[in-house]
Protein backbone atom coordinates (compact mmCIF):
# COMPACT_ATOMS: atom_id res chain seq x y z
CA MET A 1 133.75 98.74 90.94
CA ALA A 2 131.97 95.98 89.95
CA LYS A 3 129.64 96.54 86.53
CA ARG A 4 126.03 95.92 87.21
CA ILE A 5 124.96 92.61 85.06
CA GLY A 6 121.15 92.89 83.39
CA GLY A 7 118.66 95.42 83.07
CA THR A 8 115.01 95.93 84.38
CA ARG A 9 113.44 92.26 82.75
CA ARG A 10 116.23 90.56 84.21
CA LYS A 11 114.99 87.37 86.57
CA THR A 12 111.27 87.72 85.29
CA ARG A 13 110.99 84.32 83.42
CA HIS A 14 108.14 83.56 85.66
CA LYS A 15 106.81 86.46 86.59
CA LEU A 16 105.95 87.40 83.62
CA LYS A 17 103.97 83.87 82.75
CA ARG A 18 100.61 84.09 81.59
CA ALA A 19 97.97 81.59 83.11
CA ARG A 20 96.49 79.99 80.16
CA ASN A 21 93.34 81.81 80.52
CA GLU A 22 94.89 85.17 80.45
CA LYS A 23 96.92 84.81 76.95
CA GLY A 24 95.86 86.16 73.62
CA LYS A 25 94.46 90.14 73.41
CA ILE A 26 94.22 92.05 75.62
CA SER A 27 90.39 93.15 76.04
CA ALA A 28 89.66 96.73 76.02
CA SER A 29 87.91 96.91 79.58
CA ALA A 30 91.59 95.41 80.91
CA MET A 31 92.58 98.45 79.66
CA LEU A 32 90.15 100.99 80.56
CA ARG A 33 89.29 99.46 84.34
CA GLU A 34 88.56 102.28 86.63
CA PHE A 35 89.95 102.18 90.91
CA ASN A 36 88.19 104.58 93.47
CA THR A 37 90.44 106.26 95.36
CA GLY A 38 91.57 103.90 98.29
CA ASP A 39 90.70 100.82 96.80
CA THR A 40 93.28 98.18 97.45
CA VAL A 41 94.58 96.05 94.24
CA ILE A 42 97.56 93.70 93.25
CA LEU A 43 100.59 94.55 91.74
CA HIS A 44 100.33 91.95 88.75
CA PRO A 45 102.16 92.58 85.21
CA ASN A 46 100.81 92.09 81.82
CA PRO A 47 104.11 91.28 79.45
CA ALA A 48 102.04 92.18 76.64
CA VAL A 49 101.94 95.91 77.88
CA GLN A 50 105.51 97.70 79.02
CA ASP A 51 103.88 101.07 79.21
CA GLY A 52 103.44 101.89 82.89
CA VAL A 53 104.76 98.77 84.28
CA PHE A 54 106.26 98.81 87.50
CA CYS A 55 109.44 97.55 88.54
CA PHE A 56 108.94 93.99 88.73
CA ASN A 57 110.62 93.70 92.50
CA TYR A 58 107.00 94.57 93.70
CA SER A 59 104.80 92.25 91.57
CA GLY A 60 102.07 90.03 93.62
CA ARG A 61 102.02 93.20 96.33
CA HIS A 62 99.34 94.66 97.49
CA ALA A 63 98.66 98.15 96.77
CA ILE A 64 96.18 100.65 97.72
CA VAL A 65 95.14 103.47 95.13
CA VAL A 66 96.09 107.10 95.88
CA GLY A 67 94.30 108.94 92.83
CA LYS A 68 95.21 109.45 89.00
CA ARG A 69 98.00 110.71 86.81
CA GLY A 70 96.39 110.24 83.11
CA GLY A 71 95.53 107.13 82.38
CA CYS A 72 97.78 105.84 84.92
CA TYR A 73 97.34 105.36 88.92
CA GLU A 74 99.51 106.23 91.44
CA VAL A 75 99.45 103.33 94.46
CA LEU A 76 101.31 103.27 97.60
CA VAL A 77 103.34 100.13 98.33
CA ARG A 78 104.59 99.08 101.41
CA ASP A 79 108.55 97.97 101.13
CA GLY A 80 109.61 97.09 104.22
CA GLY A 81 109.09 100.29 106.37
CA LYS A 82 108.85 102.62 104.26
CA GLN A 83 105.97 103.23 102.13
CA LYS A 84 106.53 104.09 98.15
CA LYS A 85 104.71 105.73 95.40
CA LEU A 86 104.30 103.88 92.10
CA ILE A 87 102.04 105.26 88.71
CA VAL A 88 101.16 102.19 87.34
CA HIS A 89 98.70 101.45 84.05
CA PRO A 90 95.43 100.05 85.01
CA VAL A 91 96.19 96.81 82.86
CA HIS A 92 99.38 96.24 85.47
CA LEU A 93 96.33 96.18 88.67
CA LYS A 94 93.73 93.53 89.79
CA ARG A 95 90.95 94.43 92.05
CA VAL A 96 90.94 92.55 95.38
């Protein structure tokens, strides 16, 4: 059996790039961002925060907020024909 090469951050050079105006410290408002149930958000990983990040295959996708779990949010993402539930920190979510 072949051995899998690479980890979870493999092939993410461009997915984890930040725009020029996003560079620097993370604002407190981004860390404490609030969302309501049913809000549509975009999954946008922030490379400065490793907590509560999702699998990078889902980056750039639209998701629907289902609920809150601790400081993170449960979001539903459509992957092919299935809906998958992810637990994501609000730093990695952008409102549509």
